[in-house]
Amino acid sequence: MPTVLITGANRGIGLALARHYWQHRCSVIGVCRQSDKALEACCHHVISGIDLQSDDAVKCLTDALADRRIDLLISNAGILQDEQLGSLDIASIEQQFQVNALGPLRLVSALQANLSVGSKIALITSRMGSIEDNTSGGRYGYRMSKAALNAAGKSMAHDLKSRGVAVAILHPGLVSTAMINFNGQVSPEYAAAQLAERIEALNLKNTGTFWHANGDELPW
């Protein structure tokens, strides 16, 4: 039974991914700051109280996992806030960097020992991190932090390839979640199914590439 670890698993896309892999007979480890019954119903193991901004919390996570192999590591936790030029909130931008970019980097670095040949990493990012695709401006913290995550994912793909670990950098689409006040184009369940297809297609030949969940390759 493959083991799938998902961060930000207690709601939205993370919860939909947990349900998807649970239904596909995987051993699901849900990682979150605060658990609930919906997550506990579709996980073999819930590790709560984990804030990826904290090195101590990441240490608690690694201690809880010990030497357990992870077949698929999905870094999904993220936050979206809004800043416009002329009314910048630097603290908000810094927080988005901590959660969206440094959090996944801490996570993967800490869990390297749990990954082995054939393991996969999926970084849930956003096309808003694409510089070429930016046609509307604004959202400084989110755009910059997701661009940083994309850059980190590319480096991870190079660094882990020799160990047989592949990395996907994935945009889920505009998903109806609380992050965007449920004003999306697709449901979390639909996004989860599409993301799972991209993850299934991930290998060492296409590691480190940037994809829309619908199968379109995205520009950097």
N, C-alpha and C. Protein backbone atom coordinates (compact mmCIF):
# COMPACT_ATOMS: atom_id res chain seq x y z
N MET A 1 0.84 -1.19 0.00
CA MET A 1 0.00 0.00 0.00
C MET A 1 0.88 1.25 0.00
N PRO A 2 0.86 2.07 -1.06
CA PRO A 2 1.70 3.26 -1.12
C PRO A 2 1.33 4.26 -0.02
N THR A 3 2.32 4.94 0.49
CA THR A 3 2.10 5.95 1.52
C THR A 3 2.16 7.34 0.89
N VAL A 4 1.10 8.12 1.13
CA VAL A 4 0.98 9.48 0.59
C VAL A 4 0.89 10.45 1.75
N LEU A 5 1.79 11.42 1.80
CA LEU A 5 1.75 12.46 2.83
C LEU A 5 1.30 13.77 2.18
N ILE A 6 0.32 14.43 2.79
CA ILE A 6 -0.25 15.66 2.23
C ILE A 6 -0.24 16.74 3.31
N THR A 7 0.33 17.90 3.00
CA THR A 7 0.26 19.02 3.93
C THR A 7 -0.94 19.90 3.59
N GLY A 8 -1.40 20.66 4.56
CA GLY A 8 -2.61 21.47 4.36
C GLY A 8 -3.79 20.57 4.03
N ALA A 9 -3.86 19.43 4.71
CA ALA A 9 -4.79 18.36 4.31
C ALA A 9 -6.18 18.49 4.90
N ASN A 10 -6.42 19.48 5.74
CA ASN A 10 -7.70 19.51 6.47
C ASN A 10 -8.81 20.26 5.75
N ARG A 11 -8.52 20.84 4.57
CA ARG A 11 -9.58 21.53 3.85
C ARG A 11 -9.19 21.71 2.38
N GLY A 12 -10.17 22.13 1.58
CA GLY A 12 -9.91 22.49 0.20
C GLY A 12 -9.27 21.40 -0.63
N ILE A 13 -8.26 21.79 -1.42
CA ILE A 13 -7.57 20.84 -2.30
C ILE A 13 -6.90 19.74 -1.50
N GLY A 14 -6.31 20.09 -0.36
CA GLY A 14 -5.62 19.09 0.45
C GLY A 14 -6.56 17.99 0.92
N LEU A 15 -7.75 18.37 1.39
CA LEU A 15 -8.72 17.38 1.84
C LEU A 15 -9.22 16.54 0.67
N ALA A 16 -9.43 17.18 -0.48
CA ALA A 16 -9.88 16.44 -1.67
C ALA A 16 -8.81 15.44 -2.11
N LEU A 17 -7.55 15.82 -2.03
CA LEU A 17 -6.47 14.89 -2.37
C LEU A 17 -6.41 13.73 -1.37
N ALA A 18 -6.60 14.03 -0.09
CA ALA A 18 -6.61 12.97 0.92
C ALA A 18 -7.72 11.96 0.62
N ARG A 19 -8.90 12.45 0.29
CA ARG A 19 -10.01 11.56 -0.03
C ARG A 19 -9.72 10.76 -1.30
N HIS A 20 -9.13 11.42 -2.30
CA HIS A 20 -8.83 10.73 -3.55
C HIS A 20 -7.88 9.55 -3.30
N TYR A 21 -6.80 9.79 -2.59
CA TYR A 21 -5.82 8.72 -2.39
C TYR A 21 -6.32 7.67 -1.41
N TRP A 22 -7.14 8.06 -0.46
CA TRP A 22 -7.80 7.10 0.42
C TRP A 22 -8.68 6.15 -0.39
N GLN A 23 -9.45 6.70 -1.31
CA GLN A 23 -10.33 5.88 -2.15
C GLN A 23 -9.54 4.98 -3.10
N HIS A 24 -8.30 5.38 -3.39
CA HIS A 24 -7.45 4.57 -4.26
C HIS A 24 -6.51 3.68 -3.45
N ARG A 25 -6.91 3.38 -2.24
CA ARG A 25 -6.25 2.39 -1.39
C ARG A 25 -4.79 2.73 -1.07
N CYS A 26 -4.56 3.98 -0.81
CA CYS A 26 -3.25 4.41 -0.32
C CYS A 26 -3.31 4.63 1.19
N SER A 27 -2.17 4.54 1.82
CA SER A 27 -2.06 4.90 3.23
C SER A 27 -1.81 6.39 3.30
N VAL A 28 -2.80 7.15 3.75
CA VAL A 28 -2.76 8.61 3.70
C VAL A 28 -2.34 9.18 5.06
N ILE A 29 -1.33 10.03 5.02
CA ILE A 29 -0.90 10.77 6.21
C ILE A 29 -1.29 12.23 5.99
N GLY A 30 -2.23 12.73 6.78
CA GLY A 30 -2.67 14.11 6.66
C GLY A 30 -1.95 15.00 7.65
N VAL A 31 -1.29 16.02 7.15
CA VAL A 31 -0.53 16.95 7.98
C VAL A 31 -1.25 18.30 7.96
N CYS A 32 -1.46 18.87 9.13
CA CYS A 32 -2.22 20.12 9.20
C CYS A 32 -1.93 20.83 10.52
N ARG A 33 -2.41 22.06 10.61
CA ARG A 33 -2.30 22.78 11.88
C ARG A 33 -3.38 22.34 12.84
N GLN A 34 -4.60 22.09 12.31
CA GLN A 34 -5.70 21.67 13.17
C GLN A 34 -6.54 20.63 12.44
N SER A 35 -6.70 19.46 13.03
CA SER A 35 -7.44 18.38 12.39
C SER A 35 -8.95 18.55 12.59
N ASP A 36 -9.71 17.75 11.85
CA ASP A 36 -11.15 17.68 12.06
C ASP A 36 -11.64 16.31 11.62
N LYS A 37 -12.92 16.05 11.84
CA LYS A 37 -13.47 14.73 11.57
C LYS A 37 -13.42 14.37 10.09
N ALA A 38 -13.60 15.36 9.21
CA ALA A 38 -13.57 15.08 7.77
C ALA A 38 -12.22 14.52 7.36
N LEU A 39 -11.15 15.09 7.88
CA LEU A 39 -9.81 14.60 7.55
C LEU A 39 -9.56 13.24 8.20
N GLU A 40 -9.94 13.11 9.44
CA GLU A 40 -9.70 11.85 10.15
C GLU A 40 -10.42 10.68 9.51
N ALA A 41 -11.51 10.96 8.78
CA ALA A 41 -12.28 9.90 8.13
C ALA A 41 -11.60 9.35 6.89
N CYS A 42 -10.60 10.06 6.36
CA CYS A 42 -9.95 9.59 5.14
C CYS A 42 -8.44 9.51 5.28
N CYS A 43 -7.96 9.33 6.49
CA CYS A 43 -6.53 9.21 6.73
C CYS A 43 -6.23 8.02 7.64
N HIS A 44 -5.13 7.37 7.39
CA HIS A 44 -4.65 6.37 8.33
C HIS A 44 -3.96 7.03 9.52
N HIS A 45 -3.41 8.22 9.28
CA HIS A 45 -2.64 8.90 10.32
C HIS A 45 -2.76 10.41 10.10
N VAL A 46 -3.18 11.13 11.11
CA VAL A 46 -3.23 12.59 11.06
C VAL A 46 -2.17 13.13 12.01
N ILE A 47 -1.33 14.03 11.49
CA ILE A 47 -0.32 14.69 12.32
C ILE A 47 -0.70 16.17 12.36
N SER A 48 -1.26 16.61 13.47
CA SER A 48 -1.75 17.99 13.58
C SER A 48 -0.77 18.84 14.38
N GLY A 49 -1.07 20.13 14.44
CA GLY A 49 -0.20 21.05 15.16
C GLY A 49 1.07 21.40 14.40
N ILE A 50 1.06 21.14 13.08
CA ILE A 50 2.26 21.37 12.27
C ILE A 50 2.12 22.66 11.48
N ASP A 51 2.92 23.64 11.81
CA ASP A 51 3.01 24.91 11.09
C ASP A 51 4.37 24.93 10.41
N LEU A 52 4.39 24.86 9.08
CA LEU A 52 5.64 24.73 8.36
C LEU A 52 6.50 25.99 8.37
N GLN A 53 6.02 27.04 9.03
CA GLN A 53 6.86 28.21 9.26
C GLN A 53 7.85 27.97 10.40
N SER A 54 7.64 26.89 11.15
CA SER A 54 8.41 26.64 12.36
C SER A 54 9.35 25.45 12.18
N ASP A 55 10.63 25.66 12.44
CA ASP A 55 11.59 24.55 12.40
C ASP A 55 11.26 23.51 13.46
N ASP A 56 10.78 23.96 14.62
CA ASP A 56 10.43 23.02 15.69
C ASP A 56 9.26 22.13 15.26
N ALA A 57 8.27 22.71 14.57
CA ALA A 57 7.13 21.91 14.11
C ALA A 57 7.57 20.89 13.07
N VAL A 58 8.47 21.28 12.19
CA VAL A 58 8.98 20.34 11.19
C VAL A 58 9.74 19.21 11.88
N LYS A 59 10.48 19.54 12.93
CA LYS A 59 11.18 18.50 13.71
C LYS A 59 10.17 17.54 14.33
N CYS A 60 9.05 18.05 14.84
CA CYS A 60 8.00 17.18 15.39
C CYS A 60 7.46 16.24 14.31
N LEU A 61 7.32 16.76 13.09
CA LEU A 61 6.83 15.94 11.99
C LEU A 61 7.80 14.83 11.66
N THR A 62 9.07 15.15 11.56
CA THR A 62 10.06 14.12 11.24
C THR A 62 10.15 13.07 12.35
N ASP A 63 10.02 13.52 13.59
CA ASP A 63 10.04 12.56 14.71
C ASP A 63 8.83 11.63 14.64
N ALA A 64 7.66 12.18 14.27
CA ALA A 64 6.45 11.36 14.19
C ALA A 64 6.54 10.32 13.08
N LEU A 65 7.22 10.67 12.00
CA LEU A 65 7.34 9.75 10.87
C LEU A 65 8.46 8.74 11.05
N ALA A 66 9.46 9.09 11.86
CA ALA A 66 10.64 8.23 12.06
C ALA A 66 11.23 7.85 10.70
N ASP A 67 11.39 6.54 10.45
CA ASP A 67 12.00 6.12 9.19
C ASP A 67 10.97 5.58 8.19
N ARG A 68 9.73 5.99 8.34
CA ARG A 68 8.69 5.50 7.44
C ARG A 68 8.90 6.01 6.02
N ARG A 69 8.84 5.12 5.04
CA ARG A 69 8.99 5.50 3.64
C ARG A 69 7.77 6.29 3.18
N ILE A 70 8.02 7.35 2.41
CA ILE A 70 6.95 8.12 1.77
C ILE A 70 7.06 7.92 0.27
N ASP A 71 6.00 7.41 -0.32
CA ASP A 71 6.00 7.19 -1.77
C ASP A 71 5.63 8.46 -2.53
N LEU A 72 4.74 9.25 -1.94
CA LEU A 72 4.33 10.50 -2.57
C LEU A 72 4.19 11.57 -1.49
N LEU A 73 4.94 12.64 -1.66
CA LEU A 73 4.90 13.78 -0.75
C LEU A 73 4.24 14.94 -1.49
N ILE A 74 3.06 15.36 -1.03
CA ILE A 74 2.34 16.46 -1.66
C ILE A 74 2.41 17.68 -0.74
N SER A 75 3.13 18.70 -1.20
CA SER A 75 3.23 19.95 -0.44
C SER A 75 2.14 20.88 -0.94
N ASN A 76 1.07 20.99 -0.17
CA ASN A 76 -0.14 21.69 -0.60
C ASN A 76 -0.42 22.95 0.21
N ALA A 77 0.06 23.01 1.44
CA ALA A 77 -0.29 24.13 2.33
C ALA A 77 0.16 25.45 1.72
N GLY A 78 -0.72 26.44 1.76
CA GLY A 78 -0.38 27.75 1.22
C GLY A 78 -1.38 28.80 1.67
N ILE A 79 -0.99 30.07 1.51
CA ILE A 79 -1.89 31.18 1.84
C ILE A 79 -1.85 32.20 0.70
N LEU A 80 -2.96 32.92 0.55
CA LEU A 80 -3.09 33.97 -0.47
C LEU A 80 -3.56 35.25 0.21
N GLN A 81 -2.80 36.31 0.03
CA GLN A 81 -3.21 37.62 0.50
C GLN A 81 -3.02 38.62 -0.64
N ASP A 82 -3.52 39.82 -0.46
CA ASP A 82 -3.54 40.77 -1.57
C ASP A 82 -2.80 42.05 -1.20
N GLU A 83 -1.81 42.40 -2.02
CA GLU A 83 -1.11 43.67 -1.85
C GLU A 83 -1.04 44.35 -3.23
N GLN A 84 -1.17 45.64 -3.21
CA GLN A 84 -1.07 46.42 -4.43
C GLN A 84 0.06 47.44 -4.28
N LEU A 85 0.67 47.79 -5.39
CA LEU A 85 1.75 48.78 -5.37
C LEU A 85 1.21 50.09 -4.79
N GLY A 86 1.92 50.64 -3.82
CA GLY A 86 1.47 51.86 -3.17
C GLY A 86 0.78 51.59 -1.85
N SER A 87 0.38 50.32 -1.62
CA SER A 87 -0.23 49.97 -0.33
C SER A 87 0.31 48.60 0.10
N LEU A 88 1.62 48.47 0.07
CA LEU A 88 2.26 47.20 0.38
C LEU A 88 2.24 46.91 1.88
N ASP A 89 1.98 45.66 2.21
CA ASP A 89 2.08 45.18 3.58
C ASP A 89 3.25 44.19 3.59
N ILE A 90 4.42 44.67 3.98
CA ILE A 90 5.62 43.85 3.91
C ILE A 90 5.52 42.62 4.81
N ALA A 91 4.89 42.76 5.97
CA ALA A 91 4.72 41.61 6.86
C ALA A 91 3.89 40.52 6.19
N SER A 92 2.87 40.92 5.45
CA SER A 92 2.04 39.97 4.72
C SER A 92 2.85 39.25 3.64
N ILE A 93 3.67 40.01 2.93
CA ILE A 93 4.51 39.42 1.89
C ILE A 93 5.49 38.42 2.50
N GLU A 94 6.10 38.80 3.61
CA GLU A 94 7.05 37.91 4.28
C GLU A 94 6.37 36.63 4.76
N GLN A 95 5.15 36.75 5.26
CA GLN A 95 4.43 35.56 5.72
C GLN A 95 4.13 34.62 4.55
N GLN A 96 3.77 35.18 3.40
CA GLN A 96 3.51 34.33 2.24
C GLN A 96 4.78 33.62 1.77
N PHE A 97 5.91 34.30 1.86
CA PHE A 97 7.17 33.63 1.55
C PHE A 97 7.43 32.48 2.52
N GLN A 98 7.18 32.72 3.80
CA GLN A 98 7.40 31.68 4.79
C GLN A 98 6.54 30.44 4.52
N VAL A 99 5.25 30.67 4.26
CA VAL A 99 4.32 29.54 4.09
C VAL A 99 4.45 28.91 2.70
N ASN A 100 4.46 29.74 1.67
CA ASN A 100 4.35 29.23 0.30
C ASN A 100 5.66 28.76 -0.29
N ALA A 101 6.77 29.34 0.12
CA ALA A 101 8.06 28.99 -0.47
C ALA A 101 8.99 28.29 0.52
N LEU A 102 9.22 28.90 1.68
CA LEU A 102 10.16 28.31 2.63
C LEU A 102 9.58 27.08 3.33
N GLY A 103 8.25 27.07 3.54
CA GLY A 103 7.62 25.90 4.16
C GLY A 103 7.86 24.62 3.37
N PRO A 104 7.54 24.60 2.07
CA PRO A 104 7.81 23.40 1.28
C PRO A 104 9.29 23.04 1.23
N LEU A 105 10.17 24.05 1.19
CA LEU A 105 11.61 23.77 1.18
C LEU A 105 12.04 23.10 2.48
N ARG A 106 11.57 23.64 3.62
CA ARG A 106 11.85 23.00 4.91
C ARG A 106 11.36 21.55 4.92
N LEU A 107 10.14 21.36 4.42
CA LEU A 107 9.50 20.05 4.44
C LEU A 107 10.32 19.03 3.68
N VAL A 108 10.65 19.35 2.43
CA VAL A 108 11.38 18.39 1.60
C VAL A 108 12.78 18.14 2.16
N SER A 109 13.44 19.20 2.60
CA SER A 109 14.77 19.03 3.17
C SER A 109 14.73 18.10 4.39
N ALA A 110 13.72 18.28 5.23
CA ALA A 110 13.63 17.48 6.46
C ALA A 110 13.26 16.04 6.21
N LEU A 111 12.52 15.79 5.13
CA LEU A 111 12.00 14.43 4.89
C LEU A 111 12.78 13.66 3.82
N GLN A 112 13.97 14.13 3.48
CA GLN A 112 14.76 13.44 2.46
C GLN A 112 15.00 11.97 2.82
N ALA A 113 15.22 11.71 4.09
CA ALA A 113 15.52 10.34 4.50
C ALA A 113 14.33 9.41 4.33
N ASN A 114 13.12 9.99 4.23
CA ASN A 114 11.91 9.17 4.06
C ASN A 114 11.60 8.91 2.59
N LEU A 115 12.39 9.50 1.70
CA LEU A 115 12.19 9.33 0.27
C LEU A 115 13.27 8.40 -0.28
N SER A 116 12.89 7.57 -1.23
CA SER A 116 13.86 6.67 -1.83
C SER A 116 13.52 6.48 -3.30
N VAL A 117 14.24 5.59 -3.97
CA VAL A 117 14.04 5.40 -5.41
C VAL A 117 12.57 5.12 -5.70
N GLY A 118 12.01 5.91 -6.61
CA GLY A 118 10.61 5.75 -6.98
C GLY A 118 9.66 6.68 -6.26
N SER A 119 10.14 7.35 -5.20
CA SER A 119 9.29 8.32 -4.51
C SER A 119 9.06 9.53 -5.41
N LYS A 120 7.95 10.22 -5.15
CA LYS A 120 7.61 11.42 -5.92
C LYS A 120 7.26 12.56 -4.98
N ILE A 121 7.54 13.79 -5.45
CA ILE A 121 7.17 15.00 -4.73
C ILE A 121 6.29 15.83 -5.65
N ALA A 122 5.16 16.30 -5.14
CA ALA A 122 4.28 17.20 -5.89
C ALA A 122 4.17 18.51 -5.13
N LEU A 123 4.62 19.58 -5.74
CA LEU A 123 4.51 20.91 -5.15
C LEU A 123 3.29 21.59 -5.76
N ILE A 124 2.30 21.90 -4.93
CA ILE A 124 1.10 22.59 -5.43
C ILE A 124 1.41 24.08 -5.42
N THR A 125 1.58 24.62 -6.61
CA THR A 125 1.98 26.01 -6.78
C THR A 125 0.84 26.77 -7.44
N SER A 126 1.15 27.73 -8.28
CA SER A 126 0.14 28.50 -9.00
C SER A 126 0.75 29.07 -10.27
N ARG A 127 -0.08 29.19 -11.29
CA ARG A 127 0.41 29.86 -12.50
C ARG A 127 0.66 31.34 -12.23
N MET A 128 0.17 31.84 -11.09
CA MET A 128 0.48 33.22 -10.70
C MET A 128 1.96 33.38 -10.35
N GLY A 129 2.66 32.27 -10.21
CA GLY A 129 4.10 32.32 -10.03
C GLY A 129 4.86 32.37 -11.34
N SER A 130 4.14 32.32 -12.46
CA SER A 130 4.77 32.42 -13.77
C SER A 130 5.01 33.88 -14.12
N ILE A 131 6.23 34.22 -14.46
CA ILE A 131 6.55 35.61 -14.86
C ILE A 131 5.98 35.89 -16.24
N GLU A 132 6.15 34.94 -17.16
CA GLU A 132 5.65 35.14 -18.52
C GLU A 132 4.13 35.26 -18.56
N ASP A 133 3.45 34.55 -17.67
CA ASP A 133 1.98 34.49 -17.69
C ASP A 133 1.33 35.66 -16.95
N ASN A 134 2.13 36.52 -16.33
CA ASN A 134 1.58 37.64 -15.55
C ASN A 134 1.10 38.74 -16.48
N THR A 135 -0.21 38.86 -16.60
CA THR A 135 -0.79 39.87 -17.49
C THR A 135 -1.63 40.90 -16.74
N SER A 136 -1.64 40.82 -15.40
CA SER A 136 -2.52 41.72 -14.64
C SER A 136 -1.85 42.41 -13.46
N GLY A 137 -0.64 42.02 -13.08
CA GLY A 137 0.07 42.68 -11.98
C GLY A 137 -0.54 42.38 -10.61
N GLY A 138 -0.12 43.14 -9.62
CA GLY A 138 -0.66 42.99 -8.27
C GLY A 138 -0.29 41.69 -7.60
N ARG A 139 -0.93 41.43 -6.45
CA ARG A 139 -0.73 40.20 -5.69
C ARG A 139 0.77 39.92 -5.48
N TYR A 140 1.49 40.91 -4.99
CA TYR A 140 2.94 40.82 -4.94
C TYR A 140 3.45 39.65 -4.11
N GLY A 141 2.93 39.51 -2.91
CA GLY A 141 3.40 38.44 -2.04
C GLY A 141 3.13 37.06 -2.60
N TYR A 142 1.94 36.85 -3.13
CA TYR A 142 1.57 35.54 -3.65
C TYR A 142 2.38 35.22 -4.90
N ARG A 143 2.43 36.17 -5.85
CA ARG A 143 3.17 35.93 -7.08
C ARG A 143 4.65 35.64 -6.79
N MET A 144 5.25 36.47 -5.95
CA MET A 144 6.68 36.32 -5.67
C MET A 144 6.96 35.03 -4.92
N SER A 145 6.11 34.67 -3.97
CA SER A 145 6.36 33.45 -3.19
C SER A 145 6.17 32.21 -4.04
N LYS A 146 5.21 32.23 -4.96
CA LYS A 146 5.00 31.07 -5.82
C LYS A 146 6.09 30.96 -6.88
N ALA A 147 6.60 32.10 -7.36
CA ALA A 147 7.75 32.06 -8.27
C ALA A 147 8.96 31.46 -7.55
N ALA A 148 9.14 31.82 -6.28
CA ALA A 148 10.23 31.26 -5.49
C ALA A 148 10.04 29.76 -5.29
N LEU A 149 8.81 29.33 -5.04
CA LEU A 149 8.54 27.90 -4.90
C LEU A 149 8.86 27.16 -6.20
N ASN A 150 8.49 27.75 -7.33
CA ASN A 150 8.79 27.11 -8.61
C ASN A 150 10.30 26.95 -8.80
N ALA A 151 11.05 27.99 -8.44
CA ALA A 151 12.51 27.92 -8.55
C ALA A 151 13.07 26.84 -7.63
N ALA A 152 12.52 26.75 -6.41
CA ALA A 152 12.97 25.72 -5.48
C ALA A 152 12.66 24.33 -6.02
N GLY A 153 11.48 24.18 -6.61
CA GLY A 153 11.10 22.88 -7.17
C GLY A 153 12.04 22.44 -8.27
N LYS A 154 12.46 23.38 -9.11
CA LYS A 154 13.40 23.05 -10.18
C LYS A 154 14.73 22.57 -9.60
N SER A 155 15.21 23.25 -8.57
CA SER A 155 16.46 22.83 -7.92
C SER A 155 16.30 21.47 -7.25
N MET A 156 15.17 21.26 -6.58
CA MET A 156 14.92 19.95 -5.96
C MET A 156 14.99 18.84 -7.00
N ALA A 157 14.40 19.10 -8.17
CA ALA A 157 14.38 18.07 -9.22
C ALA A 157 15.80 17.69 -9.62
N HIS A 158 16.69 18.68 -9.75
CA HIS A 158 18.08 18.38 -10.07
C HIS A 158 18.76 17.64 -8.93
N ASP A 159 18.56 18.10 -7.71
CA ASP A 159 19.27 17.55 -6.56
C ASP A 159 18.83 16.13 -6.21
N LEU A 160 17.57 15.81 -6.50
CA LEU A 160 17.03 14.50 -6.10
C LEU A 160 17.00 13.48 -7.23
N LYS A 161 17.29 13.91 -8.44
CA LYS A 161 17.20 12.99 -9.58
C LYS A 161 18.13 11.79 -9.43
N SER A 162 19.33 12.04 -8.95
CA SER A 162 20.29 10.93 -8.80
C SER A 162 19.85 9.91 -7.76
N ARG A 163 18.92 10.31 -6.90
CA ARG A 163 18.39 9.39 -5.89
C ARG A 163 17.11 8.71 -6.36
N GLY A 164 16.70 9.00 -7.62
CA GLY A 164 15.51 8.36 -8.17
C GLY A 164 14.21 8.97 -7.71
N VAL A 165 14.25 10.24 -7.26
CA VAL A 165 13.05 10.93 -6.77
C VAL A 165 12.68 12.03 -7.77
N ALA A 166 11.44 12.02 -8.25
CA ALA A 166 10.97 12.99 -9.23
C ALA A 166 10.11 14.06 -8.58
N VAL A 167 10.13 15.25 -9.16
CA VAL A 167 9.43 16.41 -8.60
C VAL A 167 8.50 17.02 -9.64
N ALA A 168 7.22 17.18 -9.28
CA ALA A 168 6.24 17.86 -10.13
C ALA A 168 5.93 19.23 -9.54
N ILE A 169 5.80 20.22 -10.42
CA ILE A 169 5.43 21.58 -10.02
C ILE A 169 4.08 21.84 -10.67
N LEU A 170 3.00 21.90 -9.86
CA LEU A 170 1.65 21.78 -10.39
C LEU A 170 0.72 22.92 -9.99
N HIS A 171 0.07 23.48 -11.00
CA HIS A 171 -1.00 24.47 -10.79
C HIS A 171 -2.33 23.74 -10.81
N PRO A 172 -3.16 23.85 -9.77
CA PRO A 172 -4.38 23.06 -9.71
C PRO A 172 -5.55 23.60 -10.51
N GLY A 173 -5.41 24.81 -11.08
CA GLY A 173 -6.54 25.48 -11.69
C GLY A 173 -7.15 26.46 -10.70
N LEU A 174 -8.18 27.15 -11.13
CA LEU A 174 -8.89 28.09 -10.25
C LEU A 174 -9.96 27.30 -9.50
N VAL A 175 -9.63 26.91 -8.29
CA VAL A 175 -10.43 25.94 -7.54
C VAL A 175 -11.31 26.65 -6.52
N SER A 176 -12.54 26.22 -6.40
CA SER A 176 -13.50 26.82 -5.47
C SER A 176 -13.18 26.40 -4.04
N THR A 177 -12.35 27.19 -3.39
CA THR A 177 -11.98 26.94 -2.00
C THR A 177 -12.15 28.23 -1.21
N ALA A 178 -12.01 28.11 0.11
CA ALA A 178 -12.13 29.29 0.98
C ALA A 178 -11.07 30.33 0.66
N MET A 179 -9.92 29.91 0.14
CA MET A 179 -8.84 30.84 -0.17
C MET A 179 -9.29 31.95 -1.12
N ILE A 180 -10.20 31.61 -2.06
CA ILE A 180 -10.69 32.61 -3.02
C ILE A 180 -12.21 32.79 -2.88
N ASN A 181 -12.68 32.59 -1.64
CA ASN A 181 -14.11 32.79 -1.33
C ASN A 181 -15.03 31.94 -2.21
N PHE A 182 -14.54 30.76 -2.57
CA PHE A 182 -15.31 29.77 -3.34
C PHE A 182 -15.74 30.29 -4.72
N ASN A 183 -14.97 31.24 -5.26
CA ASN A 183 -15.28 31.80 -6.57
C ASN A 183 -14.40 31.17 -7.65
N GLY A 184 -14.32 29.86 -7.66
CA GLY A 184 -13.47 29.17 -8.61
C GLY A 184 -14.22 28.63 -9.80
N GLN A 185 -13.48 27.97 -10.68
CA GLN A 185 -14.05 27.39 -11.89
C GLN A 185 -14.24 25.88 -11.79
N VAL A 186 -13.50 25.24 -10.88
CA VAL A 186 -13.60 23.79 -10.72
C VAL A 186 -13.69 23.45 -9.24
N SER A 187 -14.24 22.29 -8.94
CA SER A 187 -14.36 21.84 -7.56
C SER A 187 -13.04 21.27 -7.06
N PRO A 188 -12.83 21.23 -5.75
CA PRO A 188 -11.62 20.60 -5.22
C PRO A 188 -11.49 19.14 -5.65
N GLU A 189 -12.61 18.44 -5.74
CA GLU A 189 -12.58 17.02 -6.13
C GLU A 189 -12.10 16.86 -7.58
N TYR A 190 -12.58 17.74 -8.45
CA TYR A 190 -12.16 17.68 -9.86
C TYR A 190 -10.68 18.02 -9.97
N ALA A 191 -10.25 19.05 -9.24
CA ALA A 191 -8.84 19.43 -9.26
C ALA A 191 -7.97 18.30 -8.73
N ALA A 192 -8.39 17.64 -7.66
CA ALA A 192 -7.62 16.55 -7.08
C ALA A 192 -7.44 15.41 -8.08
N ALA A 193 -8.51 15.07 -8.80
CA ALA A 193 -8.42 13.99 -9.79
C ALA A 193 -7.45 14.35 -10.90
N GLN A 194 -7.49 15.61 -11.36
CA GLN A 194 -6.57 16.03 -12.42
C GLN A 194 -5.13 16.07 -11.92
N LEU A 195 -4.93 16.58 -10.71
CA LEU A 195 -3.59 16.59 -10.13
C LEU A 195 -3.03 15.18 -10.01
N ALA A 196 -3.87 14.25 -9.61
CA ALA A 196 -3.43 12.86 -9.48
C ALA A 196 -2.99 12.29 -10.83
N GLU A 197 -3.65 12.69 -11.90
CA GLU A 197 -3.24 12.25 -13.23
C GLU A 197 -1.85 12.78 -13.58
N ARG A 198 -1.60 14.04 -13.26
CA ARG A 198 -0.28 14.61 -13.54
C ARG A 198 0.79 13.92 -12.70
N ILE A 199 0.47 13.62 -11.46
CA ILE A 199 1.42 12.95 -10.58
C ILE A 199 1.70 11.53 -11.08
N GLU A 200 0.68 10.86 -11.56
CA GLU A 200 0.86 9.51 -12.10
C GLU A 200 1.81 9.55 -13.30
N ALA A 201 1.73 10.62 -14.10
CA ALA A 201 2.57 10.75 -15.30
C ALA A 201 3.99 11.24 -14.99
N LEU A 202 4.24 11.62 -13.74
CA LEU A 202 5.55 12.14 -13.37
C LEU A 202 6.60 11.04 -13.38
N ASN A 203 7.77 11.35 -13.95
CA ASN A 203 8.89 10.41 -13.95
C ASN A 203 10.19 11.20 -13.98
N LEU A 204 11.30 10.49 -14.05
CA LEU A 204 12.60 11.17 -14.02
C LEU A 204 12.92 11.89 -15.32
N LYS A 205 12.15 11.62 -16.37
CA LYS A 205 12.37 12.33 -17.63
C LYS A 205 11.69 13.70 -17.62
N ASN A 206 10.54 13.82 -16.96
CA ASN A 206 9.85 15.12 -16.94
C ASN A 206 9.92 15.80 -15.58
N THR A 207 10.78 15.30 -14.71
CA THR A 207 10.93 15.90 -13.39
C THR A 207 11.34 17.37 -13.51
N GLY A 208 10.78 18.20 -12.61
CA GLY A 208 11.15 19.61 -12.58
C GLY A 208 10.42 20.47 -13.59
N THR A 209 9.36 19.94 -14.20
CA THR A 209 8.58 20.74 -15.15
C THR A 209 7.32 21.27 -14.48
N PHE A 210 6.72 22.28 -15.11
CA PHE A 210 5.64 23.09 -14.52
C PHE A 210 4.38 22.85 -15.33
N TRP A 211 3.35 22.30 -14.67
CA TRP A 211 2.15 21.86 -15.37
C TRP A 211 0.86 22.40 -14.75
N HIS A 212 -0.09 22.70 -15.61
CA HIS A 212 -1.47 22.92 -15.20
C HIS A 212 -2.07 21.53 -14.94
N ALA A 213 -2.97 21.44 -13.99
CA ALA A 213 -3.61 20.16 -13.70
C ALA A 213 -4.32 19.58 -14.91
N ASN A 214 -4.72 20.42 -15.86
CA ASN A 214 -5.44 19.92 -17.04
C ASN A 214 -4.52 19.31 -18.09
N GLY A 215 -3.21 19.31 -17.84
CA GLY A 215 -2.26 18.69 -18.75
C GLY A 215 -1.47 19.65 -19.60
N ASP A 216 -1.73 20.96 -19.51
CA ASP A 216 -0.97 21.95 -20.26
C ASP A 216 0.34 22.27 -19.54
N GLU A 217 1.45 22.28 -20.29
CA GLU A 217 2.70 22.71 -19.70
C GLU A 217 2.70 24.23 -19.63
N LEU A 218 3.12 24.77 -18.48
CA LEU A 218 3.05 26.21 -18.25
C LEU A 218 4.42 26.87 -18.42
N PRO A 219 4.42 28.14 -18.82
CA PRO A 219 5.68 28.86 -18.97
C PRO A 219 6.20 29.34 -17.63
N TRP A 220 7.50 29.50 -17.53
CA TRP A 220 8.11 30.00 -16.30
C TRP A 220 7.91 31.50 -16.18
